[in-house]
Amino acid sequence: MSKKNNKDGFVFSTNKDFKFEPEHEETGSSLPPQQQQLKIFLDRMGGGKLVTRVQGFIGTESDLETLGKTLKQKCGVGGSVKNEEILLQGDHRDKVLKLLTDMNYKAKKAGG
């Protein structure tokens, strides 16, 4: 299925006059780092591999991508930004916590 024709779950309309209008993304700004409440988790993904997950970021997708890229570079690992979360390969909770607090984010470890 082509992504360019994806209408976000819209399947069918019986209204002959219906015209699809995609929702526009919010053009709002991100909260300042001092107001962010980030949580750092350690998860196991498929195959039992450890993943450090950062969630709770409130802001634009581009700002989240930038933060994710910065964390990946500083930790020297791979990762991704999906579903409003930053995923880093491996257990880097302590390093990520220090990096985020140095960048003035409010962050804490969460989970078991």
Protein backbone atom coordinates (compact mmCIF):
# COMPACT_ATOMS: atom_id res chain seq x y z
CA MET A 1 0.00 0.00 0.00
CA SER A 2 1.37 3.35 -0.98
CA LYS A 3 2.03 5.79 1.83
CA LYS A 4 1.16 8.80 -0.30
CA ASN A 5 -2.46 7.60 -0.55
CA ASN A 6 -2.80 6.88 3.16
CA LYS A 7 -5.72 8.84 4.54
CA ASP A 8 -5.11 8.08 8.23
CA GLY A 9 -7.61 5.28 8.56
CA PHE A 10 -10.31 6.80 6.33
CA VAL A 11 -11.88 3.93 4.44
CA PHE A 12 -15.14 4.91 2.75
CA SER A 13 -17.87 7.53 2.68
CA THR A 14 -21.37 7.19 1.24
CA ASN A 15 -21.69 10.95 0.89
CA LYS A 16 -21.32 11.86 -2.80
CA ASP A 17 -20.18 15.40 -1.98
CA PHE A 18 -17.50 14.31 0.51
CA LYS A 19 -13.99 15.57 -0.11
CA PHE A 20 -11.13 14.33 2.01
CA GLU A 21 -9.23 17.08 3.81
CA PRO A 22 -6.14 15.88 5.69
CA GLU A 23 -5.60 17.23 9.16
CA HIS A 24 -2.77 19.68 9.41
CA GLU A 25 -0.06 19.03 11.96
CA GLU A 26 0.23 21.39 14.84
CA THR A 27 2.64 24.20 14.16
CA GLY A 28 3.03 24.89 17.88
CA SER A 29 6.34 25.11 19.62
CA SER A 30 8.02 22.82 22.09
CA LEU A 31 8.05 23.44 25.80
CA PRO A 32 11.32 24.81 27.15
CA PRO A 33 13.66 22.16 28.58
CA GLN A 34 13.00 23.30 32.16
CA GLN A 35 9.30 22.44 31.77
CA GLN A 36 9.77 19.00 30.17
CA GLN A 37 9.13 15.94 32.35
CA LEU A 38 11.14 13.19 30.65
CA LYS A 39 11.21 9.59 31.88
CA ILE A 40 13.99 7.13 31.06
CA PHE A 41 13.12 3.43 30.85
CA LEU A 42 15.06 0.24 30.16
CA ASP A 43 13.18 -2.22 27.96
CA ARG A 44 13.88 -5.51 26.25
CA MET A 45 13.01 -5.64 22.60
CA GLY A 46 12.78 -8.67 20.31
CA GLY A 47 15.60 -11.13 20.86
CA GLY A 48 16.17 -9.90 24.43
CA LYS A 49 18.17 -6.84 23.40
CA LEU A 50 18.26 -3.93 25.83
CA VAL A 51 16.87 -0.57 24.73
CA THR A 52 16.93 2.74 26.58
CA ARG A 53 13.62 4.53 26.01
CA VAL A 54 13.02 8.24 26.67
CA GLN A 55 9.41 9.38 26.71
CA GLY A 56 7.37 12.38 27.81
CA PHE A 57 8.70 14.96 25.36
CA ILE A 58 6.13 17.65 24.59
CA GLY A 59 6.77 19.52 21.39
CA THR A 60 7.27 19.32 17.68
CA GLU A 61 8.47 16.23 15.87
CA SER A 62 11.53 18.05 14.52
CA ASP A 63 12.63 19.07 18.04
CA LEU A 64 12.22 15.46 19.20
CA GLU A 65 14.26 14.26 16.21
CA THR A 66 16.99 16.77 17.07
CA LEU A 67 17.09 15.66 20.71
CA GLY A 68 17.20 12.01 19.64
CA LYS A 69 20.06 12.68 17.24
CA THR A 70 22.00 14.50 19.96
CA LEU A 71 21.53 11.65 22.45
CA LYS A 72 22.57 9.04 19.88
CA GLN A 73 25.73 10.99 19.03
CA LYS A 74 26.71 11.63 22.66
CA CYS A 75 26.17 7.97 23.61
CA GLY A 76 27.81 6.68 20.44
CA VAL A 77 24.99 4.25 19.67
CA GLY A 78 22.25 3.68 17.15
CA GLY A 79 18.61 4.25 17.77
CA SER A 80 15.45 5.81 16.45
CA VAL A 81 12.60 8.18 17.20
CA LYS A 82 9.20 6.47 16.97
CA ASN A 83 5.78 7.06 18.49
CA GLU A 84 6.95 10.20 20.32
CA GLU A 85 9.72 8.21 22.04
CA ILE A 86 13.48 8.12 21.67
CA LEU A 87 14.96 4.62 21.50
CA LEU A 88 18.68 4.01 22.05
CA GLN A 89 20.35 0.63 21.62
CA GLY A 90 21.73 -0.70 24.90
CA ASP A 91 21.55 0.32 28.56
CA HIS A 92 22.52 4.01 28.67
CA ARG A 93 20.15 5.26 31.38
CA ASP A 94 22.82 6.88 33.55
CA LYS A 95 24.55 8.61 30.65
CA VAL A 96 21.24 9.81 29.14
CA LEU A 97 20.10 11.11 32.53
CA LYS A 98 23.32 13.10 32.93
CA LEU A 99 23.13 14.44 29.35
CA LEU A 100 19.51 15.53 29.73
CA THR A 101 20.09 17.23 33.08
CA ASP A 102 23.14 19.00 31.63
CA MET A 103 20.84 20.32 28.86
CA ASN A 104 18.45 21.62 31.60
CA TYR A 105 15.74 18.98 31.02
CA LYS A 106 13.87 17.59 34.00
CA ALA A 107 14.50 13.87 33.66
CA LYS A 108 14.35 10.85 35.92
CA LYS A 109 14.71 7.10 35.71
CA ALA A 110 11.45 5.21 35.68
CA GLY A 111 10.37 1.59 35.67
CA GLY A 112 11.71 -1.36 37.61
